[in-house]
PDB file of all heavy atoms in Angstrom:
ATOM      1  N   VAL A   1     104.811 100.220   3.880  1.00  0.00           N
ATOM      2  CA  VAL A   1     103.459 100.543   3.427  1.00  0.00           C
ATOM      3  C   VAL A   1     102.649 101.292   4.494  1.00  0.00           C
ATOM      4  O   VAL A   1     101.439 101.468   4.352  1.00  0.00           O
ATOM      5  CB  VAL A   1     102.712  99.280   2.973  1.00  0.00           C
ATOM      6  CG1 VAL A   1     103.399  98.673   1.759  1.00  0.00           C
ATOM      7  CG2 VAL A   1     102.618  98.250   4.097  1.00  0.00           C
ATOM      8  N   ALA A   2     103.296 101.730   5.536  1.00  0.00           N
ATOM      9  CA  ALA A   2     102.648 102.495   6.610  1.00  0.00           C
ATOM     10  C   ALA A   2     103.756 103.200   7.407  1.00  0.00           C
ATOM     11  O   ALA A   2     104.888 102.726   7.436  1.00  0.00           O
ATOM     12  CB  ALA A   2     101.841 101.576   7.527  1.00  0.00           C
ATOM     13  N   PRO A   3     103.417 104.343   8.024  1.00  0.00           N
ATOM     14  CA  PRO A   3     102.113 104.994   8.061  1.00  0.00           C
ATOM     15  C   PRO A   3     101.801 105.758   6.776  1.00  0.00           C
ATOM     16  O   PRO A   3     102.692 106.016   5.963  1.00  0.00           O
ATOM     17  CB  PRO A   3     102.250 105.945   9.243  1.00  0.00           C
ATOM     18  CG  PRO A   3     103.711 106.288   9.258  1.00  0.00           C
ATOM     19  CD  PRO A   3     104.417 105.029   8.847  1.00  0.00           C
ATOM     20  N   VAL A   4     100.521 106.109   6.623  1.00  0.00           N
ATOM     21  CA  VAL A   4     100.048 106.789   5.419  1.00  0.00           C
ATOM     22  C   VAL A   4      99.304 108.055   5.821  1.00  0.00           C
ATOM     23  O   VAL A   4      98.406 108.010   6.662  1.00  0.00           O
ATOM     24  CB  VAL A   4      99.090 105.880   4.609  1.00  0.00           C
ATOM     25  CG1 VAL A   4      98.738 106.551   3.284  1.00  0.00           C
ATOM     26  CG2 VAL A   4      99.699 104.506   4.375  1.00  0.00           C
ATOM     27  N   ARG A   5      99.695 109.169   5.247  1.00  0.00           N
ATOM     28  CA  ARG A   5      98.936 110.414   5.405  1.00  0.00           C
ATOM     29  C   ARG A   5      97.926 110.492   4.252  1.00  0.00           C
ATOM     30  O   ARG A   5      98.292 110.296   3.085  1.00  0.00           O
ATOM     31  CB  ARG A   5      99.868 111.623   5.357  1.00  0.00           C
ATOM     32  CG  ARG A   5     100.731 111.783   6.607  1.00  0.00           C
ATOM     33  CD  ARG A   5     100.005 112.609   7.661  1.00  0.00           C
ATOM     34  NE  ARG A   5     100.767 112.657   8.917  1.00  0.00           N
ATOM     35  CZ  ARG A   5     101.702 113.558   9.198  1.00  0.00           C
ATOM     36  NH1 ARG A   5     102.043 114.477   8.306  1.00  0.00           N
ATOM     37  NH2 ARG A   5     102.309 113.541  10.377  1.00  0.00           N
ATOM     38  N   GLU A   6      96.679 110.781   4.577  1.00  0.00           N
ATOM     39  CA  GLU A   6      95.611 110.724   3.576  1.00  0.00           C
ATOM     40  C   GLU A   6      95.918 111.594   2.362  1.00  0.00           C
ATOM     41  O   GLU A   6      95.674 111.200   1.214  1.00  0.00           O
ATOM     42  CB  GLU A   6      94.280 111.137   4.206  1.00  0.00           C
ATOM     43  CG  GLU A   6      93.067 110.672   3.410  1.00  0.00           C
ATOM     44  CD  GLU A   6      93.052 109.170   3.187  1.00  0.00           C
ATOM     45  OE1 GLU A   6      93.253 108.415   4.159  1.00  0.00           O
ATOM     46  OE2 GLU A   6      92.859 108.750   2.024  1.00  0.00           O
ATOM     47  N   GLU A   7      96.475 112.783   2.588  1.00  0.00           N
ATOM     48  CA  GLU A   7      96.715 113.701   1.474  1.00  0.00           C
ATOM     49  C   GLU A   7      97.786 113.183   0.512  1.00  0.00           C
ATOM     50  O   GLU A   7      97.850 113.625  -0.646  1.00  0.00           O
ATOM     51  CB  GLU A   7      97.109 115.091   2.000  1.00  0.00           C
ATOM     52  CG  GLU A   7      98.378 115.129   2.836  1.00  0.00           C
ATOM     53  CD  GLU A   7      98.119 114.952   4.323  1.00  0.00           C
ATOM     54  OE1 GLU A   7      97.101 114.309   4.678  1.00  0.00           O
ATOM     55  OE2 GLU A   7      98.939 115.431   5.130  1.00  0.00           O
ATOM     56  N   ASN A   8      98.608 112.256   0.980  1.00  0.00           N
ATOM     57  CA  ASN A   8      99.662 111.708   0.116  1.00  0.00           C
ATOM     58  C   ASN A   8      99.480 110.213  -0.145  1.00  0.00           C
ATOM     59  O   ASN A   8     100.398 109.555  -0.624  1.00  0.00           O
ATOM     60  CB  ASN A   8     101.041 111.956   0.736  1.00  0.00           C
ATOM     61  CG  ASN A   8     101.460 113.415   0.639  1.00  0.00           C
ATOM     62  OD1 ASN A   8     101.069 114.103  -0.296  1.00  0.00           O
ATOM     63  ND2 ASN A   8     102.223 113.890   1.598  1.00  0.00           N
ATOM     64  N   ARG A   9      98.291 109.679   0.166  1.00  0.00           N
ATOM     65  CA  ARG A   9      98.045 108.238   0.011  1.00  0.00           C
ATOM     66  C   ARG A   9      98.257 107.778  -1.442  1.00  0.00           C
ATOM     67  O   ARG A   9      98.966 106.819  -1.692  1.00  0.00           O
ATOM     68  CB  ARG A   9      96.628 107.887   0.475  1.00  0.00           C
ATOM     69  CG  ARG A   9      96.293 106.399   0.346  1.00  0.00           C
ATOM     70  CD  ARG A   9      94.880 106.113   0.834  1.00  0.00           C
ATOM     71  NE  ARG A   9      94.755 106.342   2.269  1.00  0.00           N
ATOM     72  CZ  ARG A   9      95.035 105.419   3.195  1.00  0.00           C
ATOM     73  NH1 ARG A   9      95.450 104.213   2.833  1.00  0.00           N
ATOM     74  NH2 ARG A   9      94.909 105.707   4.471  1.00  0.00           N
ATOM     75  N   GLN A  10      97.618 108.478  -2.387  1.00  0.00           N
ATOM     76  CA  GLN A  10      97.742 108.042  -3.785  1.00  0.00           C
ATOM     77  C   GLN A  10      99.160 108.238  -4.301  1.00  0.00           C
ATOM     78  O   GLN A  10      99.648 107.438  -5.112  1.00  0.00           O
ATOM     79  CB  GLN A  10      96.750 108.802  -4.675  1.00  0.00           C
ATOM     80  CG  GLN A  10      96.569 108.174  -6.057  1.00  0.00           C
ATOM     81  CD  GLN A  10      96.105 106.722  -5.993  1.00  0.00           C
ATOM     82  OE1 GLN A  10      95.162 106.396  -5.257  1.00  0.00           O
ATOM     83  NE2 GLN A  10      96.771 105.837  -6.722  1.00  0.00           N
ATOM     84  N   LEU A  11      99.830 109.282  -3.824  1.00  0.00           N
ATOM     85  CA  LEU A  11     101.224 109.515  -4.209  1.00  0.00           C
ATOM     86  C   LEU A  11     102.085 108.317  -3.793  1.00  0.00           C
ATOM     87  O   LEU A  11     102.938 107.849  -4.561  1.00  0.00           O
ATOM     88  CB  LEU A  11     101.729 110.788  -3.537  1.00  0.00           C
ATOM     89  CG  LEU A  11     103.003 111.436  -4.082  1.00  0.00           C
ATOM     90  CD1 LEU A  11     102.766 111.965  -5.492  1.00  0.00           C
ATOM     91  CD2 LEU A  11     103.441 112.574  -3.172  1.00  0.00           C
ATOM     92  N   LEU A  12     101.845 107.806  -2.579  1.00  0.00           N
ATOM     93  CA  LEU A  12     102.593 106.646  -2.095  1.00  0.00           C
ATOM     94  C   LEU A  12     102.221 105.396  -2.878  1.00  0.00           C
ATOM     95  O   LEU A  12     103.104 104.628  -3.283  1.00  0.00           O
ATOM     96  CB  LEU A  12     102.322 106.440  -0.605  1.00  0.00           C
ATOM     97  CG  LEU A  12     102.937 105.181   0.029  1.00  0.00           C
ATOM     98  CD1 LEU A  12     104.455 105.176  -0.114  1.00  0.00           C
ATOM     99  CD2 LEU A  12     102.548 105.071   1.498  1.00  0.00           C
ATOM    100  N   ILE A  13     100.936 105.171  -3.120  1.00  0.00           N
ATOM    101  CA  ILE A  13     100.505 103.981  -3.861  1.00  0.00           C
ATOM    102  C   ILE A  13     101.124 103.967  -5.252  1.00  0.00           C
ATOM    103  O   ILE A  13     101.630 102.936  -5.716  1.00  0.00           O
ATOM    104  CB  ILE A  13      98.963 103.926  -3.931  1.00  0.00           C
ATOM    105  CG1 ILE A  13      98.383 103.601  -2.546  1.00  0.00           C
ATOM    106  CG2 ILE A  13      98.501 102.889  -4.955  1.00  0.00           C
ATOM    107  CD1 ILE A  13      96.875 103.685  -2.470  1.00  0.00           C
ATOM    108  N   ASP A  14     101.087 105.108  -5.931  1.00  0.00           N
ATOM    109  CA  ASP A  14     101.674 105.179  -7.270  1.00  0.00           C
ATOM    110  C   ASP A  14     103.166 104.874  -7.221  1.00  0.00           C
ATOM    111  O   ASP A  14     103.702 104.171  -8.097  1.00  0.00           O
ATOM    112  CB  ASP A  14     101.454 106.561  -7.883  1.00  0.00           C
ATOM    113  CG  ASP A  14      99.997 106.811  -8.246  1.00  0.00           C
ATOM    114  OD1 ASP A  14      99.219 105.843  -8.300  1.00  0.00           O
ATOM    115  OD2 ASP A  14      99.638 107.996  -8.462  1.00  0.00           O
ATOM    116  N   TYR A  15     103.840 105.399  -6.210  1.00  0.00           N
ATOM    117  CA  TYR A  15     105.279 105.164  -6.086  1.00  0.00           C
ATOM    118  C   TYR A  15     105.583 103.700  -5.779  1.00  0.00           C
ATOM    119  O   TYR A  15     106.508 103.114  -6.353  1.00  0.00           O
ATOM    120  CB  TYR A  15     105.868 106.075  -5.013  1.00  0.00           C
ATOM    121  CG  TYR A  15     107.360 105.905  -4.849  1.00  0.00           C
ATOM    122  CD1 TYR A  15     108.217 106.120  -5.924  1.00  0.00           C
ATOM    123  CD2 TYR A  15     107.909 105.504  -3.637  1.00  0.00           C
ATOM    124  CE1 TYR A  15     109.585 105.962  -5.787  1.00  0.00           C
ATOM    125  CE2 TYR A  15     109.276 105.341  -3.494  1.00  0.00           C
ATOM    126  CZ  TYR A  15     110.107 105.567  -4.573  1.00  0.00           C
ATOM    127  OH  TYR A  15     111.465 105.390  -4.443  1.00  0.00           O
ATOM    128  N   LEU A  16     104.803 103.095  -4.881  1.00  0.00           N
ATOM    129  CA  LEU A  16     105.019 101.684  -4.557  1.00  0.00           C
ATOM    130  C   LEU A  16     104.928 100.819  -5.810  1.00  0.00           C
ATOM    131  O   LEU A  16     105.625  99.807  -5.938  1.00  0.00           O
ATOM    132  CB  LEU A  16     103.991 101.210  -3.528  1.00  0.00           C
ATOM    133  CG  LEU A  16     104.118 101.773  -2.114  1.00  0.00           C
ATOM    134  CD1 LEU A  16     102.938 101.331  -1.259  1.00  0.00           C
ATOM    135  CD2 LEU A  16     105.424 101.356  -1.468  1.00  0.00           C
ATOM    136  N   GLY A  17     104.081 101.226  -6.749  1.00  0.00           N
ATOM    137  CA  GLY A  17     103.935 100.471  -7.987  1.00  0.00           C
ATOM    138  C   GLY A  17     105.185 100.452  -8.835  1.00  0.00           C
ATOM    139  O   GLY A  17     105.362  99.549  -9.667  1.00  0.00           O
ATOM    140  N   THR A  18     106.074 101.414  -8.645  1.00  0.00           N
ATOM    141  CA  THR A  18     107.317 101.442  -9.425  1.00  0.00           C
ATOM    142  C   THR A  18     108.423 100.638  -8.758  1.00  0.00           C
ATOM    143  O   THR A  18     109.493 100.471  -9.337  1.00  0.00           O
ATOM    144  CB  THR A  18     107.823 102.890  -9.616  1.00  0.00           C
ATOM    145  OG1 THR A  18     108.312 103.399  -8.367  1.00  0.00           O
ATOM    146  CG2 THR A  18     106.717 103.792 -10.129  1.00  0.00           C
ATOM    147  N   ARG A  19     108.187 100.172  -7.557  1.00  0.00           N
ATOM    148  CA  ARG A  19     109.193  99.459  -6.792  1.00  0.00           C
ATOM    149  C   ARG A  19     108.819  97.983  -6.676  1.00  0.00           C
ATOM    150  O   ARG A  19     107.663  97.596  -6.855  1.00  0.00           O
ATOM    151  CB  ARG A  19     109.325 100.080  -5.393  1.00  0.00           C
ATOM    152  CG  ARG A  19     109.716 101.564  -5.401  1.00  0.00           C
ATOM    153  CD  ARG A  19     111.166 101.756  -5.786  1.00  0.00           C
ATOM    154  NE  ARG A  19     112.010 101.059  -4.838  1.00  0.00           N
ATOM    155  CZ  ARG A  19     112.382 101.574  -3.656  1.00  0.00           C
ATOM    156  NH1 ARG A  19     111.996 102.777  -3.311  1.00  0.00           N
ATOM    157  NH2 ARG A  19     113.158 100.877  -2.841  1.00  0.00           N
ATOM    158  N   LEU A  20     109.786  97.154  -6.329  1.00  0.00           N
ATOM    159  CA  LEU A  20     109.547  95.720  -6.214  1.00  0.00           C
ATOM    160  C   LEU A  20     108.381  95.418  -5.285  1.00  0.00           C
ATOM    161  O   LEU A  20     107.540  94.554  -5.562  1.00  0.00           O
ATOM    162  CB  LEU A  20     110.815  95.028  -5.701  1.00  0.00           C
ATOM    163  CG  LEU A  20     110.708  93.523  -5.435  1.00  0.00           C
ATOM    164  CD1 LEU A  20     110.358  92.773  -6.710  1.00  0.00           C
ATOM    165  CD2 LEU A  20     112.010  93.004  -4.830  1.00  0.00           C
ATOM    166  N   ILE A  21     108.310  96.126  -4.178  1.00  0.00           N
ATOM    167  CA  ILE A  21     107.290  95.893  -3.165  1.00  0.00           C
ATOM    168  C   ILE A  21     105.877  95.954  -3.741  1.00  0.00           C
ATOM    169  O   ILE A  21     104.973  95.249  -3.295  1.00  0.00           O
ATOM    170  CB  ILE A  21     107.459  96.933  -2.032  1.00  0.00           C
ATOM    171  CG1 ILE A  21     106.538  96.667  -0.865  1.00  0.00           C
ATOM    172  CG2 ILE A  21     107.242  98.332  -2.523  1.00  0.00           C
ATOM    173  CD1 ILE A  21     106.760  97.634   0.289  1.00  0.00           C
ATOM    174  N   GLY A  22     105.674  96.794  -4.784  1.00  0.00           N
ATOM    175  CA  GLY A  22     104.347  96.973  -5.357  1.00  0.00           C
ATOM    176  C   GLY A  22     104.198  96.444  -6.763  1.00  0.00           C
ATOM    177  O   GLY A  22     103.298  96.861  -7.499  1.00  0.00           O
ATOM    178  N   SER A  23     105.070  95.524  -7.164  1.00  0.00           N
ATOM    179  CA  SER A  23     105.041  95.007  -8.532  1.00  0.00           C
ATOM    180  C   SER A  23     104.002  93.912  -8.741  1.00  0.00           C
ATOM    181  O   SER A  23     103.836  93.406  -9.845  1.00  0.00           O
ATOM    182  CB  SER A  23     106.431  94.488  -8.915  1.00  0.00           C
ATOM    183  OG  SER A  23     106.844  93.447  -8.036  1.00  0.00           O
ATOM    184  N   ILE A  24     103.287  93.531  -7.684  1.00  0.00           N
ATOM    185  CA  ILE A  24     102.245  92.504  -7.786  1.00  0.00           C
ATOM    186  C   ILE A  24     101.176  92.993  -8.766  1.00  0.00           C
ATOM    187  O   ILE A  24     100.748  94.154  -8.705  1.00  0.00           O
ATOM    188  CB  ILE A  24     101.622  92.243  -6.394  1.00  0.00           C
ATOM    189  CG1 ILE A  24     102.723  91.870  -5.396  1.00  0.00           C
ATOM    190  CG2 ILE A  24     100.571  91.143  -6.454  1.00  0.00           C
ATOM    191  CD1 ILE A  24     102.284  91.933  -3.945  1.00  0.00           C
ATOM    192  N   PRO A  25     100.705  92.136  -9.683  1.00  0.00           N
ATOM    193  CA  PRO A  25      99.763  92.579 -10.720  1.00  0.00           C
ATOM    194  C   PRO A  25      98.331  92.749 -10.209  1.00  0.00           C
ATOM    195  O   PRO A  25      97.409  92.016 -10.576  1.00  0.00           O
ATOM    196  CB  PRO A  25      99.868  91.468 -11.764  1.00  0.00           C
ATOM    197  CG  PRO A  25     100.224  90.253 -10.986  1.00  0.00           C
ATOM    198  CD  PRO A  25     101.141  90.741  -9.896  1.00  0.00           C
ATOM    199  N   VAL A  26      98.141  93.711  -9.321  1.00  0.00           N
ATOM    200  CA  VAL A  26      96.828  94.030  -8.747  1.00  0.00           C
ATOM    201  C   VAL A  26      96.725  95.540  -8.644  1.00  0.00           C
ATOM    202  O   VAL A  26      97.720  96.259  -8.785  1.00  0.00           O
ATOM    203  CB  VAL A  26      96.668  93.416  -7.329  1.00  0.00           C
ATOM    204  CG1 VAL A  26      96.694  91.898  -7.388  1.00  0.00           C
ATOM    205  CG2 VAL A  26      97.742  93.945  -6.379  1.00  0.00           C
ATOM    206  N   ASN A  27      95.526  96.023  -8.375  1.00  0.00           N
ATOM    207  CA  ASN A  27      95.359  97.429  -8.029  1.00  0.00           C
ATOM    208  C   ASN A  27      95.695  97.564  -6.550  1.00  0.00           C
ATOM    209  O   ASN A  27      94.966  97.070  -5.687  1.00  0.00           O
ATOM    210  CB  ASN A  27      93.925  97.876  -8.300  1.00  0.00           C
ATOM    211  CG  ASN A  27      93.611  97.934  -9.782  1.00  0.00           C
ATOM    212  OD1 ASN A  27      94.453  98.355 -10.585  1.00  0.00           O
ATOM    213  ND2 ASN A  27      92.412  97.516 -10.154  1.00  0.00           N
ATOM    214  N   LEU A  28      96.811  98.188  -6.265  1.00  0.00           N
ATOM    215  CA  LEU A  28      97.309  98.246  -4.896  1.00  0.00           C
ATOM    216  C   LEU A  28      96.354  99.012  -3.989  1.00  0.00           C
ATOM    217  O   LEU A  28      95.827 100.061  -4.368  1.00  0.00           O
ATOM    218  CB  LEU A  28      98.688  98.908  -4.863  1.00  0.00           C
ATOM    219  CG  LEU A  28      99.806  98.188  -5.614  1.00  0.00           C
ATOM    220  CD1 LEU A  28     101.098  98.998  -5.519  1.00  0.00           C
ATOM    221  CD2 LEU A  28     100.028  96.787  -5.057  1.00  0.00           C
ATOM    222  N   GLU A  29      96.168  98.471  -2.803  1.00  0.00           N
ATOM    223  CA  GLU A  29      95.354  99.125  -1.791  1.00  0.00           C
ATOM    224  C   GLU A  29      96.097  99.101  -0.462  1.00  0.00           C
ATOM    225  O   GLU A  29      96.781  98.134  -0.147  1.00  0.00           O
ATOM    226  CB  GLU A  29      94.001  98.412  -1.627  1.00  0.00           C
ATOM    227  CG  GLU A  29      93.127  98.466  -2.868  1.00  0.00           C
ATOM    228  CD  GLU A  29      91.829  97.694  -2.666  1.00  0.00           C
ATOM    229  OE1 GLU A  29      91.725  96.954  -1.660  1.00  0.00           O
ATOM    230  OE2 GLU A  29      90.925  97.831  -3.507  1.00  0.00           O
ATOM    231  N   LEU A  30      95.940 100.164   0.300  1.00  0.00           N
ATOM    232  CA  LEU A  30      96.540 100.261   1.634  1.00  0.00           C
ATOM    233  C   LEU A  30      95.406 100.520   2.630  1.00  0.00           C
ATOM    234  O   LEU A  30      95.128 101.669   2.970  1.00  0.00           O
ATOM    235  CB  LEU A  30      97.579 101.386   1.688  1.00  0.00           C
ATOM    236  CG  LEU A  30      98.701 101.345   0.644  1.00  0.00           C
ATOM    237  CD1 LEU A  30      99.625 102.555   0.814  1.00  0.00           C
ATOM    238  CD2 LEU A  30      99.496 100.054   0.744  1.00  0.00           C
ATOM    239  N   PRO A  31      94.762  99.466   3.120  1.00  0.00           N
ATOM    240  CA  PRO A  31      93.590  99.644   3.991  1.00  0.00           C
ATOM    241  C   PRO A  31      93.956  99.909   5.444  1.00  0.00           C
ATOM    242  O   PRO A  31      93.448  99.264   6.357  1.00  0.00           O
ATOM    243  CB  PRO A  31      92.846  98.315   3.826  1.00  0.00           C
ATOM    244  CG  PRO A  31      93.930  97.321   3.583  1.00  0.00           C
ATOM    245  CD  PRO A  31      94.983  98.050   2.781  1.00  0.00           C
ATOM    246  N   TRP A  32      94.871 100.822   5.647  1.00  0.00           N
ATOM    247  CA  TRP A  32      95.307 101.208   6.988  1.00  0.00           C
ATOM    248  C   TRP A  32      95.903 102.603   6.913  1.00  0.00           C
ATOM    249  O   TRP A  32      96.162 103.127   5.818  1.00  0.00           O
ATOM    250  CB  TRP A  32      96.355 100.212   7.524  1.00  0.00           C
ATOM    251  CG  TRP A  32      97.407  99.884   6.501  1.00  0.00           C
ATOM    252  CD1 TRP A  32      98.407 100.703   6.043  1.00  0.00           C
ATOM    253  CD2 TRP A  32      97.511  98.671   5.736  1.00  0.00           C
ATOM    254  NE1 TRP A  32      99.133 100.065   5.066  1.00  0.00           N
ATOM    255  CE2 TRP A  32      98.612  98.819   4.859  1.00  0.00           C
ATOM    256  CE3 TRP A  32      96.800  97.466   5.732  1.00  0.00           C
ATOM    257  CZ2 TRP A  32      98.996  97.811   3.979  1.00  0.00           C
ATOM    258  CZ3 TRP A  32      97.187  96.469   4.859  1.00  0.00           C
ATOM    259  CH2 TRP A  32      98.276  96.646   3.993  1.00  0.00           C
ATOM    260  N   THR A  33      96.108 103.197   8.050  1.00  0.00           N
ATOM    261  CA  THR A  33      96.719 104.529   8.103  1.00  0.00           C
ATOM    262  C   THR A  33      97.992 104.511   8.953  1.00  0.00           C
ATOM    263  O   THR A  33      99.052 104.925   8.498  1.00  0.00           O
ATOM    264  CB  THR A  33      95.727 105.558   8.660  1.00  0.00           C
ATOM    265  OG1 THR A  33      94.593 105.616   7.788  1.00  0.00           O
ATOM    266  CG2 THR A  33      96.369 106.944   8.732  1.00  0.00           C
ATOM    267  N   SER A  34      97.890 104.001  10.170  1.00  0.00           N
ATOM    268  CA  SER A  34      99.045 104.003  11.067  1.00  0.00           C
ATOM    269  C   SER A  34      99.878 102.733  10.901  1.00  0.00           C
ATOM    270  O   SER A  34      99.434 101.736  10.322  1.00  0.00           O
ATOM    271  CB  SER A  34      98.575 104.108  12.519  1.00  0.00           C
ATOM    272  OG  SER A  34      97.930 102.903  12.921  1.00  0.00           O
ATOM    273  N   PHE A  35     101.086 102.781  11.429  1.00  0.00           N
ATOM    274  CA  PHE A  35     101.962 101.607  11.437  1.00  0.00           C
ATOM    275  C   PHE A  35     101.305 100.487  12.248  1.00  0.00           C
ATOM    276  O   PHE A  35     101.320  99.317  11.851  1.00  0.00           O
ATOM    277  CB  PHE A  35     103.318 101.988  12.038  1.00  0.00           C
ATOM    278  CG  PHE A  35     104.436 101.047  11.706  1.00  0.00           C
ATOM    279  CD1 PHE A  35     105.016 101.050  10.446  1.00  0.00           C
ATOM    280  CD2 PHE A  35     104.925 100.161  12.651  1.00  0.00           C
ATOM    281  CE1 PHE A  35     106.062 100.186  10.137  1.00  0.00           C
ATOM    282  CE2 PHE A  35     105.966  99.298  12.346  1.00  0.00           C
ATOM    283  CZ  PHE A  35     106.532  99.308  11.092  1.00  0.00           C
ATOM    284  N   LYS A  36     100.702 100.850  13.363  1.00  0.00           N
ATOM    285  CA  LYS A  36     100.044  99.861  14.224  1.00  0.00           C
ATOM    286  C   LYS A  36      98.884  99.190  13.507  1.00  0.00           C
ATOM    287  O   LYS A  36      98.691  97.968  13.612  1.00  0.00           O
ATOM    288  CB  LYS A  36      99.548 100.527  15.502  1.00  0.00           C
ATOM    289  CG  LYS A  36      98.930  99.561  16.503  1.00  0.00           C
ATOM    290  CD  LYS A  36      98.520 100.284  17.778  1.00  0.00           C
ATOM    291  CE  LYS A  36      97.936  99.304  18.789  1.00  0.00           C
ATOM    292  NZ  LYS A  36      97.540  99.999  20.057  1.00  0.00           N
ATOM    293  N   GLU A  37      98.104  99.965  12.753  1.00  0.00           N
ATOM    294  CA  GLU A  37      96.978  99.382  12.012  1.00  0.00           C
ATOM    295  C   GLU A  37      97.471  98.378  10.979  1.00  0.00           C
ATOM    296  O   GLU A  37      96.839  97.334  10.766  1.00  0.00           O
ATOM    297  CB  GLU A  37      96.175 100.483  11.328  1.00  0.00           C
ATOM    298  CG  GLU A  37      95.334 101.310  12.284  1.00  0.00           C
ATOM    299  CD  GLU A  37      94.707 102.522  11.621  1.00  0.00           C
ATOM    300  OE1 GLU A  37      95.136 102.898  10.505  1.00  0.00           O
ATOM    301  OE2 GLU A  37      93.811 103.110  12.236  1.00  0.00           O
ATOM    302  N   TYR A  38      98.582  98.690  10.340  1.00  0.00           N
ATOM    303  CA  TYR A  38      99.166  97.747   9.378  1.00  0.00           C
ATOM    304  C   TYR A  38      99.572  96.452  10.070  1.00  0.00           C
ATOM    305  O   TYR A  38      99.225  95.349   9.622  1.00  0.00           O
ATOM    306  CB  TYR A  38     100.369  98.385   8.690  1.00  0.00           C
ATOM    307  CG  TYR A  38     101.215  97.423   7.892  1.00  0.00           C
ATOM    308  CD1 TYR A  38     100.685  96.730   6.817  1.00  0.00           C
ATOM    309  CD2 TYR A  38     102.557  97.208   8.228  1.00  0.00           C
ATOM    310  CE1 TYR A  38     101.469  95.836   6.084  1.00  0.00           C
ATOM    311  CE2 TYR A  38     103.341  96.327   7.504  1.00  0.00           C
ATOM    312  CZ  TYR A  38     102.796  95.634   6.429  1.00  0.00           C
ATOM    313  OH  TYR A  38     103.569  94.759   5.718  1.00  0.00           O
ATOM    314  N   LEU A  39     100.283  96.548  11.188  1.00  0.00           N
ATOM    315  CA  LEU A  39     100.707  95.339  11.898  1.00  0.00           C
ATOM    316  C   LEU A  39      99.506  94.571  12.441  1.00  0.00           C
ATOM    317  O   LEU A  39      99.497  93.332  12.427  1.00  0.00           O
ATOM    318  CB  LEU A  39     101.663  95.703  13.033  1.00  0.00           C
ATOM    319  CG  LEU A  39     102.977  96.388  12.630  1.00  0.00           C
ATOM    320  CD1 LEU A  39     103.873  96.559  13.857  1.00  0.00           C
ATOM    321  CD2 LEU A  39     103.715  95.617  11.548  1.00  0.00           C
ATOM    322  N   ASN A  40      98.497  95.293  12.899  1.00  0.00           N
ATOM    323  CA  ASN A  40      97.304  94.634  13.433  1.00  0.00           C
ATOM    324  C   ASN A  40      96.527  93.896  12.351  1.00  0.00           C
ATOM    325  O   ASN A  40      95.759  92.974  12.658  1.00  0.00           O
ATOM    326  CB  ASN A  40      96.384  95.648  14.115  1.00  0.00           C
ATOM    327  CG  ASN A  40      96.917  96.118  15.448  1.00  0.00           C
ATOM    328  OD1 ASN A  40      97.864  95.547  15.985  1.00  0.00           O
ATOM    329  ND2 ASN A  40      96.338  97.176  15.980  1.00  0.00           N
TER     330      ASN A  40
END
């Protein structure tokens, strides 16, 4: 779920929704950009 480039953020979110990782019944959000921000 990281890192995320802003121009492709929604493309990644939409794709995650088709995979097991994003199958949770919520509106997926990625409140980070870098790998470090995700781990932090």
